Every structure is written in structure tokens, then in C-alpha cells.
């Protein structure tokens, strides 16, 4: 009986130490899981921001490409009145009116010189 009591007093502290050790390990595992979950959430948020910024960068690249294009330069020259010194800008609204204007100018030039008269087509 004395042997059983001695084993009891030895086994209870060992059992208690084992339970405390298991609780400590489980606590640290839960703490680490919570930390990694928080990090994963932050990574997901940052990936969304990266995707949004990437979309904005693509839009800016397309805008810059358009602004460097000849089409945009012609628009600026015609509609906004910008042109460089080596450019001549002609804005044509109606092809028939343009043809009549050219014929008129040629006829005026013919009257001033000896060129034959031009008829509209």
C-alpha cells in the first residue's frame, strides 16, 4: 500500500506536468494559427490592391499610347487649335462644299490667267 501511495504521488505530478505541457502546446498552435490566418487575410487585401493598381496602370498605358498616337495629335490640331510650326491643318466638313470651293478658286485663278475654265464633276 505504501508503494501504491508513493507511485500515486509520483504519477500525479507527472500527469499534471503532461497535461500542462499538452495545454501549452495546444495554446501555441492556436496562437500560431490565428497569426497565420491574419497574415493570409492581409495578403488577400494586398492582392486586391495590386489587381486594382494593375488595372489602373493598364488604363494609363492605353491613355498614354493614345495620346502619343497620330489620331490624338490630329484631334488636338483640328479641334483644339494646337499645331506645330511644320504642320498645316485642314478641316473638311462637307466634301461637296470642298469641291465647289476648289472649283471656284480654280475659276478665279483662270480668270486671272489664261487657264481653261474648270467644270464641277
PDB file of N, CA and C in Angstrom:
ATOM      1  N   UNK A   1       0.810  -1.185   0.000  1.00  0.00           N
ATOM      2  CA  UNK A   1       0.000   0.000   0.000  1.00  0.00           C
ATOM      3  C   UNK A   1       0.861   1.259   0.000  1.00  0.00           C
ATOM      4  N   UNK A   2       1.906   1.194   0.780  1.00  0.00           N
ATOM      5  CA  UNK A   2       2.819   2.326   0.813  1.00  0.00           C
ATOM      6  C   UNK A   2       3.443   2.534  -0.562  1.00  0.00           C
ATOM      7  N   UNK A   3       3.665   1.471  -1.248  1.00  0.00           N
ATOM      8  CA  UNK A   3       4.223   1.537  -2.599  1.00  0.00           C
ATOM      9  C   UNK A   3       3.218   2.195  -3.534  1.00  0.00           C
ATOM     10  N   UNK A   4       1.954   1.878  -3.383  1.00  0.00           N
ATOM     11  CA  UNK A   4       0.912   2.478  -4.212  1.00  0.00           C
ATOM     12  C   UNK A   4       0.786   3.970  -3.943  1.00  0.00           C
ATOM     13  N   UNK A   5       0.912   4.352  -2.698  1.00  0.00           N
ATOM     14  CA  UNK A   5       0.821   5.773  -2.357  1.00  0.00           C
ATOM     15  C   UNK A   5       2.019   6.512  -2.934  1.00  0.00           C
ATOM     16  N   UNK A   6       3.180   5.888  -2.835  1.00  0.00           N
ATOM     17  CA  UNK A   6       4.379   6.506  -3.389  1.00  0.00           C
ATOM     18  C   UNK A   6       4.235   6.660  -4.905  1.00  0.00           C
ATOM     19  N   UNK A   7       3.738   5.647  -5.592  1.00  0.00           N
ATOM     20  CA  UNK A   7       3.533   5.721  -7.046  1.00  0.00           C
ATOM     21  C   UNK A   7       2.470   6.768  -7.381  1.00  0.00           C
ATOM     22  N   UNK A   8       1.473   6.867  -6.530  1.00  0.00           N
ATOM     23  CA  UNK A   8       0.429   7.872  -6.753  1.00  0.00           C
ATOM     24  C   UNK A   8       1.022   9.278  -6.682  1.00  0.00           C
ATOM     25  N   UNK A   9       1.857   9.524  -5.659  1.00  0.00           N
ATOM     26  CA  UNK A   9       2.454  10.853  -5.510  1.00  0.00           C
ATOM     27  C   UNK A   9       3.472  11.137  -6.619  1.00  0.00           C
ATOM     28  N   UNK A  10       4.008  10.167  -7.203  1.00  0.00           N
ATOM     29  CA  UNK A  10       4.933  10.368  -8.323  1.00  0.00           C
ATOM     30  C   UNK A  10       4.140  10.526  -9.628  1.00  0.00           C
ATOM     31  N   UNK A  11       3.117   9.740  -9.847  1.00  0.00           N
ATOM     32  CA  UNK A  11       2.376   9.758 -11.102  1.00  0.00           C
ATOM     33  C   UNK A  11       1.464  10.987 -11.236  1.00  0.00           C
ATOM     34  N   UNK A  12       0.906  11.490 -10.135  1.00  0.00           N
ATOM     35  CA  UNK A  12       0.020  12.659 -10.220  1.00  0.00           C
ATOM     36  C   UNK A  12       0.791  13.891 -10.691  1.00  0.00           C
ATOM     37  N   UNK A  13       1.935  14.218 -10.119  1.00  0.00           N
ATOM     38  CA  UNK A  13       2.679  15.373 -10.643  1.00  0.00           C
ATOM     39  C   UNK A  13       3.112  15.171 -12.101  1.00  0.00           C
ATOM     40  N   UNK A  14       3.524  13.939 -12.443  1.00  0.00           N
ATOM     41  CA  UNK A  14       3.912  13.682 -13.837  1.00  0.00           C
ATOM     42  C   UNK A  14       2.718  13.841 -14.772  1.00  0.00           C
ATOM     43  N   UNK A  15       1.578  13.360 -14.332  1.00  0.00           N
ATOM     44  CA  UNK A  15       0.357  13.511 -15.120  1.00  0.00           C
ATOM     45  C   UNK A  15      -0.011  14.983 -15.258  1.00  0.00           C
ATOM     46  N   UNK A  16       0.094  15.719 -14.180  1.00  0.00           N
ATOM     47  CA  UNK A  16      -0.201  17.152 -14.195  1.00  0.00           C
ATOM     48  C   UNK A  16       0.769  17.907 -15.105  1.00  0.00           C
ATOM     49  N   UNK A  17       2.035  17.580 -15.055  1.00  0.00           N
ATOM     50  CA  UNK A  17       3.037  18.202 -15.933  1.00  0.00           C
ATOM     51  C   UNK A  17       2.723  17.864 -17.392  1.00  0.00           C
ATOM     52  N   UNK A  18       2.336  16.620 -17.665  1.00  0.00           N
ATOM     53  CA  UNK A  18       1.978  16.212 -19.027  1.00  0.00           C
ATOM     54  C   UNK A  18       0.772  16.971 -19.548  1.00  0.00           C
ATOM     55  N   UNK A  19      -0.244  17.131 -18.705  1.00  0.00           N
ATOM     56  CA  UNK A  19      -1.442  17.867 -19.118  1.00  0.00           C
ATOM     57  C   UNK A  19      -1.101  19.333 -19.370  1.00  0.00           C
ATOM     58  N   UNK A  20      -0.301  19.925 -18.473  1.00  0.00           N
ATOM     59  CA  UNK A  20       0.115  21.326 -18.669  1.00  0.00           C
ATOM     60  C   UNK A  20       0.947  21.488 -19.938  1.00  0.00           C
ATOM     61  N   UNK A  21       1.814  20.544 -20.214  1.00  0.00           N
ATOM     62  CA  UNK A  21       2.630  20.585 -21.430  1.00  0.00           C
ATOM     63  C   UNK A  21       1.746  20.486 -22.675  1.00  0.00           C
ATOM     64  N   UNK A  22       0.768  19.608 -22.649  1.00  0.00           N
ATOM     65  CA  UNK A  22      -0.161  19.474 -23.787  1.00  0.00           C
ATOM     66  C   UNK A  22      -0.966  20.759 -23.965  1.00  0.00           C
ATOM     67  N   UNK A  23      -1.430  21.344 -22.872  1.00  0.00           N
ATOM     68  CA  UNK A  23      -2.174  22.612 -22.957  1.00  0.00           C
ATOM     69  C   UNK A  23      -1.301  23.719 -23.522  1.00  0.00           C
ATOM     70  N   UNK A  24      -0.038  23.789 -23.095  1.00  0.00           N
ATOM     71  CA  UNK A  24       0.890  24.803 -23.595  1.00  0.00           C
ATOM     72  C   UNK A  24       1.102  24.651 -25.104  1.00  0.00           C
ATOM     73  N   UNK A  25       1.286  23.428 -25.563  1.00  0.00           N
ATOM     74  CA  UNK A  25       1.500  23.167 -26.997  1.00  0.00           C
ATOM     75  C   UNK A  25       0.239  23.533 -27.790  1.00  0.00           C
ATOM     76  N   UNK A  26      -0.924  23.131 -27.286  1.00  0.00           N
ATOM     77  CA  UNK A  26      -2.172  23.457 -27.985  1.00  0.00           C
ATOM     78  C   UNK A  26      -2.407  24.970 -28.032  1.00  0.00           C
ATOM     79  N   UNK A  27      -2.089  25.666 -26.956  1.00  0.00           N
ATOM     80  CA  UNK A  27      -2.232  27.122 -26.922  1.00  0.00           C
ATOM     81  C   UNK A  27      -1.335  27.778 -27.977  1.00  0.00           C
ATOM     82  N   UNK A  28      -0.098  27.328 -28.075  1.00  0.00           N
ATOM     83  CA  UNK A  28       0.825  27.898 -29.068  1.00  0.00           C
ATOM     84  C   UNK A  28       0.405  27.563 -30.493  1.00  0.00           C
ATOM     85  N   UNK A  29      -0.147  26.386 -30.689  1.00  0.00           N
ATOM     86  CA  UNK A  29      -0.648  26.023 -32.031  1.00  0.00           C
ATOM     87  C   UNK A  29      -1.816  26.930 -32.417  1.00  0.00           C
ATOM     88  N   UNK A  30      -2.744  27.147 -31.485  1.00  0.00           N
ATOM     89  CA  UNK A  30      -3.895  28.017 -31.766  1.00  0.00           C
ATOM     90  C   UNK A  30      -3.440  29.456 -32.019  1.00  0.00           C
ATOM     91  N   UNK A  31      -2.481  29.911 -31.220  1.00  0.00           N
ATOM     92  CA  UNK A  31      -1.948  31.272 -31.380  1.00  0.00           C
ATOM     93  C   UNK A  31      -1.286  31.432 -32.763  1.00  0.00           C
ATOM     94  N   UNK A  32      -0.519  30.453 -33.181  1.00  0.00           N
ATOM     95  CA  UNK A  32       0.146  30.497 -34.488  1.00  0.00           C
ATOM     96  C   UNK A  32      -0.866  30.425 -35.623  1.00  0.00           C
ATOM     97  N   UNK A  33      -1.895  29.620 -35.461  1.00  0.00           N
ATOM     98  CA  UNK A  33      -2.945  29.521 -36.484  1.00  0.00           C
ATOM     99  C   UNK A  33      -3.664  30.863 -36.643  1.00  0.00           C
ATOM    100  N   UNK A  34      -3.955  31.514 -35.537  1.00  0.00           N
ATOM    101  CA  UNK A  34      -4.611  32.821 -35.583  1.00  0.00           C
ATOM    102  C   UNK A  34      -3.724  33.846 -36.294  1.00  0.00           C
ATOM    103  N   UNK A  35      -2.413  33.791 -36.007  1.00  0.00           N
ATOM    104  CA  UNK A  35      -1.477  34.720 -36.641  1.00  0.00           C
ATOM    105  C   UNK A  35      -1.387  34.470 -38.151  1.00  0.00           C
ATOM    106  N   UNK A  36      -1.308  33.211 -38.562  1.00  0.00           N
ATOM    107  CA  UNK A  36      -1.208  32.918 -39.997  1.00  0.00           C
ATOM    108  C   UNK A  36      -2.503  33.268 -40.722  1.00  0.00           C
ATOM    109  N   UNK A  37      -3.650  33.083 -40.054  1.00  0.00           N
ATOM    110  CA  UNK A  37      -4.927  33.471 -40.659  1.00  0.00           C
ATOM    111  C   UNK A  37      -4.976  34.974 -40.888  1.00  0.00           C
ATOM    112  N   UNK A  38      -4.508  35.733 -39.905  1.00  0.00           N
ATOM    113  CA  UNK A  38      -4.478  37.195 -40.034  1.00  0.00           C
ATOM    114  C   UNK A  38      -3.547  37.611 -41.179  1.00  0.00           C
ATOM    115  N   UNK A  39      -2.409  36.964 -41.289  1.00  0.00           N
ATOM    116  CA  UNK A  39      -1.457  37.276 -42.368  1.00  0.00           C
ATOM    117  C   UNK A  39      -2.066  36.937 -43.725  1.00  0.00           C
ATOM    118  N   UNK A  40      -2.754  35.803 -43.821  1.00  0.00           N
ATOM    119  CA  UNK A  40      -3.407  35.425 -45.082  1.00  0.00           C
ATOM    120  C   UNK A  40      -4.466  36.443 -45.492  1.00  0.00           C
ATOM    121  N   UNK A  41      -5.203  36.969 -44.520  1.00  0.00           N
ATOM    122  CA  UNK A  41      -6.215  37.988 -44.818  1.00  0.00           C
ATOM    123  C   UNK A  41      -5.554  39.270 -45.323  1.00  0.00           C
ATOM    124  N   UNK A  42      -4.455  39.668 -44.702  1.00  0.00           N
ATOM    125  CA  UNK A  42      -3.742  40.861 -45.155  1.00  0.00           C
ATOM    126  C   UNK A  42      -3.173  40.663 -46.554  1.00  0.00           C
ATOM    127  N   UNK A  43      -2.668  39.466 -46.838  1.00  0.00           N
ATOM    128  CA  UNK A  43      -2.147  39.165 -48.176  1.00  0.00           C
ATOM    129  C   UNK A  43      -3.265  39.269 -49.206  1.00  0.00           C
ATOM    130  N   UNK A  44      -4.437  38.755 -48.878  1.00  0.00           N
ATOM    131  CA  UNK A  44      -5.577  38.832 -49.798  1.00  0.00           C
ATOM    132  C   UNK A  44      -5.955  40.283 -50.069  1.00  0.00           C
ATOM    133  N   UNK A  45      -5.956  41.126 -49.018  1.00  0.00           N
ATOM    134  CA  UNK A  45      -6.263  42.549 -49.203  1.00  0.00           C
ATOM    135  C   UNK A  45      -5.237  43.206 -50.110  1.00  0.00           C
ATOM    136  N   UNK A  46      -3.964  42.898 -49.887  1.00  0.00           N
ATOM    137  CA  UNK A  46      -2.912  43.497 -50.701  1.00  0.00           C
ATOM    138  C   UNK A  46      -2.972  43.014 -52.148  1.00  0.00           C
ATOM    139  N   UNK A  47      -3.359  41.764 -52.346  1.00  0.00           N
ATOM    140  CA  UNK A  47      -3.506  41.260 -53.721  1.00  0.00           C
ATOM    141  C   UNK A  47      -4.631  41.987 -54.442  1.00  0.00           C
ATOM    142  N   UNK A  48      -5.708  42.310 -53.729  1.00  0.00           N
ATOM    143  CA  UNK A  48      -6.796  43.087 -54.337  1.00  0.00           C
ATOM    144  C   UNK A  48      -6.304  44.481 -54.731  1.00  0.00           C
ATOM    145  N   UNK A  49      -5.512  45.096 -53.858  1.00  0.00           N
ATOM    146  CA  UNK A  49      -4.972  46.420 -54.165  1.00  0.00           C
ATOM    147  C   UNK A  49      -4.047  46.340 -55.373  1.00  0.00           C
ATOM    148  N   UNK A  50      -3.234  45.298 -55.425  1.00  0.00           N
ATOM    149  CA  UNK A  50      -2.322  45.115 -56.564  1.00  0.00           C
ATOM    150  C   UNK A  50      -3.119  44.959 -57.853  1.00  0.00           C
ATOM    151  N   UNK A  51      -4.187  44.187 -57.825  1.00  0.00           N
ATOM    152  CA  UNK A  51      -5.013  43.993 -59.021  1.00  0.00           C
ATOM    153  C   UNK A  51      -5.657  45.311 -59.452  1.00  0.00           C
ATOM    154  N   UNK A  52      -6.123  46.091 -58.486  1.00  0.00           N
ATOM    155  CA  UNK A  52      -6.735  47.387 -58.801  1.00  0.00           C
ATOM    156  C   UNK A  52      -5.710  48.336 -59.409  1.00  0.00           C
ATOM    157  N   UNK A  53      -4.530  48.393 -58.820  1.00  0.00           N
ATOM    158  CA  UNK A  53      -3.474  49.274 -59.330  1.00  0.00           C
ATOM    159  C   UNK A  53      -3.004  48.797 -60.698  1.00  0.00           C
ATOM    160  N   UNK A  54      -2.955  47.492 -60.894  1.00  0.00           N
ATOM    161  CA  UNK A  54      -2.568  46.957 -62.192  1.00  0.00           C
ATOM    162  C   UNK A  54      -3.566  47.372 -63.270  1.00  0.00           C
ATOM    163  N   UNK A  55      -4.856  47.330 -62.938  1.00  0.00           N
ATOM    164  CA  UNK A  55      -5.878  47.784 -63.884  1.00  0.00           C
ATOM    165  C   UNK A  55      -5.737  49.260 -64.199  1.00  0.00           C
ATOM    166  N   UNK A  56      -5.436  50.070 -63.166  1.00  0.00           N
ATOM    167  CA  UNK A  56      -5.224  51.500 -63.390  1.00  0.00           C
ATOM    168  C   UNK A  56      -3.992  51.731 -64.254  1.00  0.00           C
ATOM    169  N   UNK A  57      -2.930  50.945 -64.036  1.00  0.00           N
ATOM    170  CA  UNK A  57      -1.720  51.072 -64.857  1.00  0.00           C
ATOM    171  C   UNK A  57      -2.009  50.739 -66.317  1.00  0.00           C
ATOM    172  N   UNK A  58      -2.790  49.696 -66.556  1.00  0.00           N
ATOM    173  CA  UNK A  58      -3.151  49.343 -67.929  1.00  0.00           C
ATOM    174  C   UNK A  58      -3.928  50.475 -68.591  1.00  0.00           C
ATOM    175  N   UNK A  59      -4.861  51.067 -67.850  1.00  0.00           N
ATOM    176  CA  UNK A  59      -5.632  52.188 -68.378  1.00  0.00           C
ATOM    177  C   UNK A  59      -4.720  53.376 -68.692  1.00  0.00           C
ATOM    178  N   UNK A  60      -3.780  53.655 -67.797  1.00  0.00           N
ATOM    179  CA  UNK A  60      -2.847  54.759 -68.036  1.00  0.00           C
ATOM    180  C   UNK A  60      -1.942  54.475 -69.229  1.00  0.00           C
ATOM    181  N   UNK A  61      -1.490  53.228 -69.379  1.00  0.00           N
ATOM    182  CA  UNK A  61      -0.660  52.874 -70.540  1.00  0.00           C
ATOM    183  C   UNK A  61      -1.433  53.077 -71.842  1.00  0.00           C
ATOM    184  N   UNK A  62      -2.696  52.649 -71.846  1.00  0.00           N
ATOM    185  CA  UNK A  62      -3.524  52.825 -73.038  1.00  0.00           C
ATOM    186  C   UNK A  62      -3.755  54.306 -73.322  1.00  0.00           C
ATOM    187  N   UNK A  63      -3.974  55.088 -72.278  1.00  0.00           N
ATOM    188  CA  UNK A  63      -4.181  56.520 -72.456  1.00  0.00           C
ATOM    189  C   UNK A  63      -2.929  57.174 -73.013  1.00  0.00           C
ATOM    190  N   UNK A  64      -1.775  56.830 -72.456  1.00  0.00           N
ATOM    191  CA  UNK A  64      -0.514  57.387 -72.952  1.00  0.00           C
ATOM    192  C   UNK A  64      -0.282  56.976 -74.393  1.00  0.00           C
ATOM    193  N   UNK A  65      -0.558  55.715 -74.704  1.00  0.00           N
ATOM    194  CA  UNK A  65      -0.398  55.233 -76.077  1.00  0.00           C
ATOM    195  C   UNK A  65      -1.306  56.013 -77.026  1.00  0.00           C
ATOM    196  N   UNK A  66      -2.556  56.251 -76.614  1.00  0.00           N
ATOM    197  CA  UNK A  66      -3.478  57.013 -77.453  1.00  0.00           C
ATOM    198  C   UNK A  66      -2.995  58.448 -77.624  1.00  0.00           C
ATOM    199  N   UNK A  67      -2.548  59.065 -76.530  1.00  0.00           N
ATOM    200  CA  UNK A  67      -2.115  60.459 -76.613  1.00  0.00           C
ATOM    201  C   UNK A  67      -0.869  60.624 -77.477  1.00  0.00           C
ATOM    202  N   UNK A  68      -0.064  59.571 -77.574  1.00  0.00           N
ATOM    203  CA  UNK A  68       1.114  59.623 -78.447  1.00  0.00           C
ATOM    204  C   UNK A  68       0.759  59.292 -79.894  1.00  0.00           C
ATOM    205  N   UNK A  69      -0.432  58.771 -80.131  1.00  0.00           N
ATOM    206  CA  UNK A  69      -0.814  58.340 -81.473  1.00  0.00           C
ATOM    207  C   UNK A  69      -1.066  59.536 -82.389  1.00  0.00           C
ATOM    208  N   UNK A  70      -1.018  59.256 -83.669  1.00  0.00           N
ATOM    209  CA  UNK A  70      -1.262  60.291 -84.671  1.00  0.00           C
ATOM    210  C   UNK A  70      -2.713  60.757 -84.631  1.00  0.00           C
ATOM    211  N   UNK A  71      -3.618  59.849 -84.311  1.00  0.00           N
ATOM    212  CA  UNK A  71      -5.037  60.195 -84.230  1.00  0.00           C
ATOM    213  C   UNK A  71      -5.286  61.275 -83.178  1.00  0.00           C
ATOM    214  N   UNK A  72      -4.668  61.128 -82.016  1.00  0.00           N
ATOM    215  CA  UNK A  72      -4.847  62.120 -80.948  1.00  0.00           C
ATOM    216  C   UNK A  72      -4.192  63.439 -81.341  1.00  0.00           C
ATOM    217  N   UNK A  73      -3.067  63.367 -81.994  1.00  0.00           N
ATOM    218  CA  UNK A  73      -2.396  64.602 -82.410  1.00  0.00           C
ATOM    219  C   UNK A  73      -3.233  65.344 -83.445  1.00  0.00           C
ATOM    220  N   UNK A  74      -3.855  64.598 -84.349  1.00  0.00           N
ATOM    221  CA  UNK A  74      -4.731  65.247 -85.329  1.00  0.00           C
ATOM    222  C   UNK A  74      -5.937  65.877 -84.636  1.00  0.00           C
ATOM    223  N   UNK A  75      -6.498  65.163 -83.654  1.00  0.00           N
ATOM    224  CA  UNK A  75      -7.634  65.701 -82.899  1.00  0.00           C
ATOM    225  C   UNK A  75      -7.235  66.999 -82.217  1.00  0.00           C
ATOM    226  N   UNK A  76      -6.076  67.004 -81.569  1.00  0.00           N
ATOM    227  CA  UNK A  76      -5.618  68.210 -80.887  1.00  0.00           C
ATOM    228  C   UNK A  76      -5.410  69.351 -81.877  1.00  0.00           C
ATOM    229  N   UNK A  77      -4.848  69.027 -83.026  1.00  0.00           N
ATOM    230  CA  UNK A  77      -4.582  70.063 -84.014  1.00  0.00           C
ATOM    231  C   UNK A  77      -5.878  70.629 -84.583  1.00  0.00           C
ATOM    232  N   UNK A  78      -6.841  69.777 -84.864  1.00  0.00           N
ATOM    233  CA  UNK A  78      -8.070  70.232 -85.515  1.00  0.00           C
ATOM    234  C   UNK A  78      -9.062  70.835 -84.530  1.00  0.00           C
ATOM    235  N   UNK A  79      -9.354  70.143 -83.469  1.00  0.00           N
ATOM    236  CA  UNK A  79     -10.424  70.569 -82.566  1.00  0.00           C
ATOM    237  C   UNK A  79      -9.967  71.609 -81.542  1.00  0.00           C
ATOM    238  N   UNK A  80      -8.748  71.475 -81.077  1.00  0.00           N
ATOM    239  CA  UNK A  80      -8.287  72.369 -80.017  1.00  0.00           C
ATOM    240  C   UNK A  80      -7.412  73.512 -80.537  1.00  0.00           C
ATOM    241  N   UNK A  81      -7.067  73.463 -81.801  1.00  0.00           N
ATOM    242  CA  UNK A  81      -6.291  74.540 -82.389  1.00  0.00           C
ATOM    243  C   UNK A  81      -4.802  74.438 -82.115  1.00  0.00           C
ATOM    244  N   UNK A  82      -4.308  73.294 -81.668  1.00  0.00           N
ATOM    245  CA  UNK A  82      -2.873  73.128 -81.431  1.00  0.00           C
ATOM    246  C   UNK A  82      -2.235  72.589 -82.695  1.00  0.00           C
ATOM    247  N   UNK A  83      -1.121  73.153 -83.057  1.00  0.00           N
ATOM    248  CA  UNK A  83      -0.372  72.608 -84.171  1.00  0.00           C
ATOM    249  C   UNK A  83       1.068  73.079 -84.054  1.00  0.00           C
ATOM    250  N   UNK A  84       1.968  72.261 -84.547  1.00  0.00           N
ATOM    251  CA  UNK A  84       3.370  72.650 -84.514  1.00  0.00           C
ATOM    252  C   UNK A  84       3.662  73.515 -85.729  1.00  0.00           C
ATOM    253  N   UNK A  85       4.830  74.100 -85.756  1.00  0.00           N
ATOM    254  CA  UNK A  85       5.175  75.045 -86.829  1.00  0.00           C
ATOM    255  C   UNK A  85       5.228  74.377 -88.199  1.00  0.00           C
ATOM    256  N   UNK A  86       5.569  73.107 -88.249  1.00  0.00           N
ATOM    257  CA  UNK A  86       5.705  72.435 -89.536  1.00  0.00           C
ATOM    258  C   UNK A  86       4.412  71.747 -89.988  1.00  0.00           C
ATOM    259  N   UNK A  87       3.295  72.005 -89.308  1.00  0.00           N
ATOM    260  CA  UNK A  87       2.024  71.378 -89.681  1.00  0.00           C
ATOM    261  C   UNK A  87       1.080  72.395 -90.310  1.00  0.00           C
ATOM    262  N   UNK A  88       0.322  71.903 -91.281  1.00  0.00           N
ATOM    263  CA  UNK A  88      -0.790  72.655 -91.839  1.00  0.00           C
ATOM    264  C   UNK A  88      -2.029  71.828 -91.590  1.00  0.00           C
ATOM    265  N   UNK A  89      -3.028  72.428 -90.996  1.00  0.00           N
ATOM    266  CA  UNK A  89      -4.239  71.692 -90.640  1.00  0.00           C
ATOM    267  C   UNK A  89      -5.370  72.147 -91.536  1.00  0.00           C
ATOM    268  N   UNK A  90      -6.051  71.156 -92.134  1.00  0.00           N
ATOM    269  CA  UNK A  90      -7.212  71.439 -92.953  1.00  0.00           C
ATOM    270  C   UNK A  90      -8.376  70.672 -92.352  1.00  0.00           C
ATOM    271  N   UNK A  91      -9.458  71.369 -92.104  1.00  0.00           N
ATOM    272  CA  UNK A  91     -10.643  70.729 -91.560  1.00  0.00           C
ATOM    273  C   UNK A  91     -11.701  70.705 -92.648  1.00  0.00           C
ATOM    274  N   UNK A  92     -12.137  69.509 -93.030  1.00  0.00           N
ATOM    275  CA  UNK A  92     -13.104  69.345 -94.100  1.00  0.00           C
ATOM    276  C   UNK A  92     -14.399  68.849 -93.484  1.00  0.00           C
ATOM    277  N   UNK A  93     -15.468  69.632 -93.660  1.00  0.00           N
ATOM    278  CA  UNK A  93     -16.749  69.235 -93.083  1.00  0.00           C
ATOM    279  C   UNK A  93     -17.640  68.576 -94.129  1.00  0.00           C
ATOM    280  N   UNK A  94     -17.608  69.090 -95.353  1.00  0.00           N
ATOM    281  CA  UNK A  94     -18.507  68.578 -96.381  1.00  0.00           C
ATOM    282  C   UNK A  94     -17.716  68.463 -97.680  1.00  0.00           C
ATOM    283  N   UNK A  95     -17.644  67.268 -98.241  1.00  0.00           N
ATOM    284  CA  UNK A  95     -16.858  67.042 -99.444  1.00  0.00           C
ATOM    285  C   UNK A  95     -17.416  67.821-100.629  1.00  0.00           C
ATOM    286  N   UNK A  96     -18.737  67.928-100.751  1.00  0.00           N
ATOM    287  CA  UNK A  96     -19.328  68.669-101.865  1.00  0.00           C
ATOM    288  C   UNK A  96     -18.988  70.155-101.767  1.00  0.00           C
ATOM    289  N   UNK A  97     -19.075  70.699-100.568  1.00  0.00           N
ATOM    290  CA  UNK A  97     -18.736  72.109-100.379  1.00  0.00           C
ATOM    291  C   UNK A  97     -17.263  72.340-100.680  1.00  0.00           C
ATOM    292  N   UNK A  98     -16.414  71.383-100.310  1.00  0.00           N
ATOM    293  CA  UNK A  98     -14.994  71.496-100.586  1.00  0.00           C
ATOM    294  C   UNK A  98     -14.745  71.491-102.096  1.00  0.00           C
ATOM    295  N   UNK A  99     -15.391  70.587-102.804  1.00  0.00           N
ATOM    296  CA  UNK A  99     -15.215  70.519-104.259  1.00  0.00           C
ATOM    297  C   UNK A  99     -15.673  71.818-104.912  1.00  0.00           C
ATOM    298  N   UNK A 100     -16.814  72.353-104.494  1.00  0.00           N
ATOM    299  CA  UNK A 100     -17.307  73.611-105.057  1.00  0.00           C
ATOM    300  C   UNK A 100     -16.334  74.746-104.774  1.00  0.00           C
ATOM    301  N   UNK A 101     -15.757  74.750-103.571  1.00  0.00           N
ATOM    302  CA  UNK A 101     -14.799  75.794-103.204  1.00  0.00           C
ATOM    303  C   UNK A 101     -13.542  75.692-104.061  1.00  0.00           C
ATOM    304  N   UNK A 102     -13.077  74.483-104.317  1.00  0.00           N
ATOM    305  CA  UNK A 102     -11.884  74.294-105.144  1.00  0.00           C
ATOM    306  C   UNK A 102     -12.166  74.738-106.572  1.00  0.00           C
ATOM    307  N   UNK A 103     -13.322  74.363-107.115  1.00  0.00           N
ATOM    308  CA  UNK A 103     -13.680  74.762-108.473  1.00  0.00           C
ATOM    309  C   UNK A 103     -13.758  76.282-108.554  1.00  0.00           C
ATOM    310  N   UNK A 104     -14.350  76.902-107.546  1.00  0.00           N
ATOM    311  CA  UNK A 104     -14.464  78.356-107.512  1.00  0.00           C
ATOM    312  C   UNK A 104     -13.086  79.008-107.505  1.00  0.00           C
ATOM    313  N   UNK A 105     -12.198  78.474-106.689  1.00  0.00           N
ATOM    314  CA  UNK A 105     -10.837  79.021-106.622  1.00  0.00           C
ATOM    315  C   UNK A 105     -10.111  78.842-107.946  1.00  0.00           C
ATOM    316  N   UNK A 106     -10.297  77.691-108.581  1.00  0.00           N
ATOM    317  CA  UNK A 106      -9.641  77.454-109.870  1.00  0.00           C
ATOM    318  C   UNK A 106     -10.198  78.391-110.948  1.00  0.00           C
ATOM    319  N   UNK A 107     -11.507  78.620-110.924  1.00  0.00           N
ATOM    320  CA  UNK A 107     -12.111  79.532-111.906  1.00  0.00           C
ATOM    321  C   UNK A 107     -11.610  80.953-111.693  1.00  0.00           C
ATOM    322  N   UNK A 108     -11.459  81.384-110.436  1.00  0.00           N
ATOM    323  CA  UNK A 108     -10.908  82.717-110.173  1.00  0.00           C
ATOM    324  C   UNK A 108      -9.483  82.813-110.677  1.00  0.00           C
ATOM    325  N   UNK A 109      -8.727  81.718-110.480  1.00  0.00           N
ATOM    326  CA  UNK A 109      -7.349  81.699-110.957  1.00  0.00           C
ATOM    327  C   UNK A 109      -7.327  81.707-112.483  1.00  0.00           C
ATOM    328  N   UNK A 110      -8.313  81.063-113.103  1.00  0.00           N
ATOM    329  CA  UNK A 110      -8.394  81.024-114.573  1.00  0.00           C
ATOM    330  C   UNK A 110      -8.680  82.399-115.123  1.00  0.00           C
ATOM    331  N   UNK A 111      -9.564  83.133-114.449  1.00  0.00           N
ATOM    332  CA  UNK A 111      -9.888  84.471-114.905  1.00  0.00           C
ATOM    333  C   UNK A 111      -8.671  85.375-114.816  1.00  0.00           C
ATOM    334  N   UNK A 112      -7.836  85.128-113.806  1.00  0.00           N
ATOM    335  CA  UNK A 112      -6.638  85.962-113.652  1.00  0.00           C
ATOM    336  C   UNK A 112      -5.545  85.556-114.636  1.00  0.00           C
ATOM    337  N   UNK A 113      -5.618  84.348-115.175  1.00  0.00           N
ATOM    338  CA  UNK A 113      -4.606  83.912-116.148  1.00  0.00           C
ATOM    339  C   UNK A 113      -5.309  83.357-117.373  1.00  0.00           C
ATOM    340  N   UNK A 114      -4.603  82.682-118.198  1.00  0.00           N
ATOM    341  CA  UNK A 114      -5.176  82.155-119.418  1.00  0.00           C
ATOM    342  C   UNK A 114      -5.462  80.664-119.334  1.00  0.00           C
ATOM    343  N   UNK A 115      -5.784  80.130-118.142  1.00  0.00           N
ATOM    344  CA  UNK A 115      -6.124  78.726-117.989  1.00  0.00           C
ATOM    345  C   UNK A 115      -7.556  78.460-118.430  1.00  0.00           C
ATOM    346  N   UNK A 116      -7.867  77.230-118.918  1.00  0.00           N
ATOM    347  CA  UNK A 116      -9.231  76.913-119.323  1.00  0.00           C
ATOM    348  C   UNK A 116     -10.139  76.804-118.085  1.00  0.00           C
ATOM    349  N   UNK A 117     -11.445  77.051-118.279  1.00  0.00           N
ATOM    350  CA  UNK A 117     -12.406  77.020-117.195  1.00  0.00           C
ATOM    351  C   UNK A 117     -12.650  75.569-116.750  1.00  0.00           C
ATOM    352  N   UNK A 118     -12.794  75.351-115.406  1.00  0.00           N
ATOM    353  CA  UNK A 118     -12.997  74.030-114.827  1.00  0.00           C
ATOM    354  C   UNK A 118     -14.453  73.872-114.490  1.00  0.00           C
ATOM    355  N   UNK A 119     -15.043  72.708-114.845  1.00  0.00           N
ATOM    356  CA  UNK A 119     -16.438  72.419-114.532  1.00  0.00           C
ATOM    357  C   UNK A 119     -16.492  71.422-113.377  1.00  0.00           C
ATOM    358  N   UNK A 120     -17.465  71.589-112.465  1.00  0.00           N
ATOM    359  CA  UNK A 120     -17.579  70.606-111.363  1.00  0.00           C
ATOM    360  C   UNK A 120     -18.010  69.246-111.898  1.00  0.00           C
ATOM    361  N   UNK A 121     -17.576  68.186-111.222  1.00  0.00           N
ATOM    362  CA  UNK A 121     -17.889  66.826-111.680  1.00  0.00           C
ATOM    363  C   UNK A 121     -19.166  66.340-111.062  1.00  0.00           C
TER     364      UNK A 121
END
